[in-house]
Amino acid sequence: MLSVFLDANVIYSITLTDVLLTLAEHDLFLPLWSPNALQEAQEAASRTLPDAAQQAFRKRPIMMDQAFPESSIHVEESEWSQFDLPDPDDRHVLAAAAQGQADALTTRNIKDFPQKLLDSFSIQVITPDDLPCVLLRRNPEATASAIRELIDSRHRPPINIPDFAKRLERSGATQFAAAIAHIRQPFGNHSYFDQ
């Protein structure tokens, strides 16, 4: 199974993280993170989200660790020094991805993770928009089913596919938003996608 380390700037996006964790719940990939990445996301949320959203966000790391206990990668700070990255503050991300034997690392800061360096660990760097698109290409029906289930589970307030696609666009997942715009509820053995 594809394993992907989620950088803090990916975890920070509530909509995008909901999508990725839903896809992981459907065994389309194994998400990985570190306590440091969760802490960074929490710190960003405390600086930018309104108080009510911060309270909900504080529960997210606990829920993630409970749902995916095998996903948390602990790396000691002493193990980071071997990594030479453009932003030294990102060394813990690569250290955890390498220790977790991730196939990929998804981040919004592609430039901070030179592919040439990641190649030595057999890790591909991808954007958080590319990841769900890759999963959709690999397994379109299962991906569509997972997204449909996520959308159908939203009751407060309820949401439809076009509105959910707009939320994904705002989170920066423009390609995936365009792709899911064609998902529909299946009937019988028909496809999840409009023809």
Protein backbone atom coordinates (compact mmCIF):
# COMPACT_ATOMS: atom_id res chain seq x y z
CA MET A 1 0.00 0.00 0.00
CA LEU A 2 1.20 3.50 -0.80
CA SER A 3 2.40 5.32 2.34
CA VAL A 4 2.44 9.12 2.39
CA PHE A 5 3.81 11.50 5.00
CA LEU A 6 1.54 14.52 5.55
CA ASP A 7 3.34 17.79 6.24
CA ALA A 8 1.86 20.23 8.77
CA ASN A 9 0.73 22.60 6.01
CA VAL A 10 -1.45 19.79 4.65
CA ILE A 11 -2.85 18.74 8.04
CA TYR A 12 -3.77 22.38 8.73
CA SER A 13 -6.43 22.33 5.98
CA ILE A 14 -9.52 20.84 7.59
CA THR A 15 -11.31 20.04 4.32
CA LEU A 16 -8.26 18.55 2.63
CA THR A 17 -7.32 16.50 5.70
CA ASP A 18 -10.89 15.19 5.91
CA VAL A 19 -10.60 14.05 2.29
CA LEU A 20 -7.20 12.43 2.77
CA LEU A 21 -8.15 10.65 5.98
CA THR A 22 -11.37 9.41 4.40
CA LEU A 23 -9.36 7.99 1.48
CA ALA A 24 -7.01 6.37 4.01
CA GLU A 25 -9.95 4.87 5.91
CA HIS A 26 -10.91 3.21 2.62
CA ASP A 27 -7.42 1.66 2.40
CA LEU A 28 -6.36 3.72 -0.60
CA PHE A 29 -3.14 4.77 1.13
CA LEU A 30 -1.48 4.80 4.54
CA PRO A 31 -1.11 8.30 6.00
CA LEU A 32 1.95 9.09 8.10
CA TRP A 33 2.71 12.08 10.32
CA SER A 34 4.82 12.98 13.30
CA PRO A 35 3.94 14.61 16.61
CA ASN A 36 6.00 17.59 15.41
CA ALA A 37 3.90 17.93 12.24
CA LEU A 38 0.70 17.77 14.30
CA GLN A 39 2.11 20.38 16.70
CA GLU A 40 3.05 22.71 13.83
CA ALA A 41 -0.46 22.41 12.38
CA GLN A 42 -1.91 23.12 15.84
CA GLU A 43 0.27 26.21 16.23
CA ALA A 44 -0.79 27.52 12.82
CA ALA A 45 -4.43 26.93 13.71
CA SER A 46 -4.06 28.81 16.99
CA ARG A 47 -2.69 31.83 15.10
CA THR A 48 -5.23 31.90 12.29
CA LEU A 49 -8.50 30.16 13.13
CA PRO A 50 -11.36 31.69 15.14
CA ASP A 51 -11.72 30.41 18.71
CA ALA A 52 -14.58 28.01 17.93
CA ALA A 53 -12.64 26.42 15.07
CA GLN A 54 -9.51 26.19 17.25
CA GLN A 55 -11.40 24.13 19.81
CA ALA A 56 -12.47 21.66 17.14
CA PHE A 57 -8.98 21.62 15.63
CA ARG A 58 -7.41 20.73 19.01
CA LYS A 59 -9.30 17.41 18.91
CA ARG A 60 -7.99 16.54 15.44
CA PRO A 61 -4.53 15.17 16.40
CA ILE A 62 -6.02 12.94 19.09
CA MET A 63 -8.66 11.63 16.69
CA MET A 64 -6.03 11.07 13.96
CA ASP A 65 -3.78 9.10 16.31
CA GLN A 66 -6.73 7.02 17.53
CA ALA A 67 -7.98 6.26 14.02
CA PHE A 68 -4.51 5.49 12.63
CA PRO A 69 -2.28 4.37 15.52
CA GLU A 70 0.34 3.03 13.09
CA SER A 71 0.67 6.41 11.37
CA SER A 72 2.51 8.45 13.99
CA ILE A 73 6.28 8.46 13.43
CA HIS A 74 8.42 9.57 16.36
CA VAL A 75 11.86 10.90 15.49
CA GLU A 76 14.36 12.23 17.99
CA GLU A 77 15.74 15.70 17.31
CA SER A 78 19.27 14.28 17.24
CA GLU A 79 18.29 12.31 14.10
CA TRP A 80 17.40 15.45 12.12
CA SER A 81 20.90 16.85 11.80
CA GLN A 82 21.85 14.57 8.91
CA PHE A 83 19.31 16.23 6.63
CA ASP A 84 20.36 19.29 4.66
CA LEU A 85 17.25 21.10 3.41
CA PRO A 86 16.68 24.65 2.15
CA ASP A 87 14.62 25.31 5.29
CA PRO A 88 16.31 23.69 8.31
CA ASP A 89 12.96 23.77 10.15
CA ASP A 90 11.74 21.08 7.71
CA ARG A 91 14.40 18.53 8.65
CA HIS A 92 12.06 16.80 11.09
CA VAL A 93 9.56 16.25 8.26
CA LEU A 94 12.05 14.44 6.04
CA ALA A 95 13.48 12.53 9.01
CA ALA A 96 10.03 11.23 9.94
CA ALA A 97 9.13 10.42 6.32
CA ALA A 98 12.39 8.51 5.90
CA GLN A 99 12.02 6.67 9.22
CA GLY A 100 8.42 5.77 8.34
CA GLN A 101 9.59 4.48 4.95
CA ALA A 102 7.11 6.74 3.20
CA ASP A 103 6.71 6.34 -0.53
CA ALA A 104 5.79 10.01 -0.81
CA LEU A 105 5.76 13.24 1.14
CA THR A 106 2.92 15.64 0.49
CA THR A 107 3.51 19.32 1.18
CA ARG A 108 2.61 22.74 -0.15
CA ASN A 109 6.32 23.66 0.03
CA ILE A 110 7.67 21.51 -2.80
CA LYS A 111 10.69 23.79 -3.23
CA ASP A 112 11.78 23.09 0.35
CA PHE A 113 12.13 19.36 -0.40
CA PRO A 114 14.47 18.92 -3.39
CA GLN A 115 13.53 15.75 -5.24
CA LYS A 116 17.20 14.90 -5.78
CA LEU A 117 17.69 14.62 -2.02
CA LEU A 118 14.43 12.72 -1.52
CA ASP A 119 15.45 10.26 -4.25
CA SER A 120 18.16 8.96 -1.92
CA PHE A 121 15.35 7.85 0.42
CA SER A 122 13.06 6.66 -2.41
CA ILE A 123 10.53 9.32 -1.45
CA GLN A 124 8.54 11.26 -4.05
CA VAL A 125 7.48 14.80 -3.11
CA ILE A 126 3.95 15.68 -4.25
CA THR A 127 1.47 18.45 -3.66
CA PRO A 128 -1.65 17.90 -1.55
CA ASP A 129 -3.68 18.38 -4.74
CA ASP A 130 -1.72 15.71 -6.59
CA LEU A 131 -2.14 13.05 -3.90
CA PRO A 132 -5.92 12.55 -4.16
CA CYS A 133 -5.65 12.85 -7.96
CA VAL A 134 -3.11 10.00 -7.99
CA LEU A 135 -5.42 7.92 -5.81
CA LEU A 136 -8.35 8.71 -8.10
CA ARG A 137 -6.38 7.56 -11.16
CA ARG A 138 -5.27 4.37 -9.39
CA ASN A 139 -8.71 3.42 -8.11
CA PRO A 140 -11.47 5.69 -9.45
CA GLU A 141 -14.49 3.80 -8.13
CA ALA A 142 -13.16 3.36 -4.58
CA THR A 143 -12.00 6.99 -4.45
CA ALA A 144 -15.33 8.26 -5.72
CA SER A 145 -17.20 6.03 -3.27
CA ALA A 146 -15.12 7.36 -0.36
CA ILE A 147 -15.72 10.99 -1.36
CA ARG A 148 -19.43 10.35 -1.83
CA GLU A 149 -19.56 8.80 1.65
CA LEU A 150 -17.71 11.80 3.13
CA ILE A 151 -20.11 14.26 1.50
CA ASP A 152 -23.15 12.22 2.53
CA SER A 153 -21.91 12.18 6.15
CA ARG A 154 -22.04 15.96 6.38
CA HIS A 155 -25.24 16.92 8.18
CA ARG A 156 -24.34 20.15 10.02
CA PRO A 157 -24.74 21.71 7.59
CA PRO A 158 -25.43 19.26 4.77
CA ILE A 159 -23.30 19.81 1.68
CA ASN A 160 -23.57 18.84 -1.95
CA ILE A 161 -20.82 17.90 -4.39
CA PRO A 162 -20.48 21.33 -6.07
CA ASP A 163 -20.18 23.11 -2.70
CA PHE A 164 -17.69 20.55 -1.44
CA ALA A 165 -15.66 20.98 -4.64
CA LYS A 166 -15.59 24.74 -3.97
CA ARG A 167 -14.24 24.11 -0.47
CA LEU A 168 -11.54 21.92 -1.96
CA GLU A 169 -10.67 24.67 -4.44
CA ARG A 170 -10.29 27.13 -1.56
CA SER A 171 -7.99 24.66 0.17
CA GLY A 172 -5.78 24.60 -2.92
CA ALA A 173 -6.87 21.23 -4.32
CA THR A 174 -8.12 22.67 -7.61
CA GLN A 175 -7.42 19.63 -9.80
CA PHE A 176 -9.11 17.24 -7.40
CA ALA A 177 -12.03 19.64 -6.96
CA ALA A 178 -12.56 19.60 -10.73
CA ALA A 179 -12.33 15.81 -10.79
CA ILE A 180 -14.89 15.21 -8.04
CA ALA A 181 -17.36 17.62 -9.58
CA HIS A 182 -18.43 14.68 -11.78
CA ILE A 183 -19.16 12.25 -8.95
CA ARG A 184 -22.78 11.22 -8.60
CA GLN A 185 -24.70 8.73 -6.51
CA PRO A 186 -24.55 5.31 -8.20
CA PHE A 187 -27.59 3.25 -9.04
CA GLY A 188 -27.15 -0.49 -9.30
CA ASN A 189 -23.93 -1.38 -11.09
CA HIS A 190 -23.48 2.03 -12.72
CA SER A 191 -20.42 4.18 -12.34
CA TYR A 192 -19.91 6.82 -9.67
CA PHE A 193 -19.05 9.28 -12.42
CA ASP A 194 -21.27 11.14 -14.83
CA GLN A 195 -20.74 9.86 -18.32
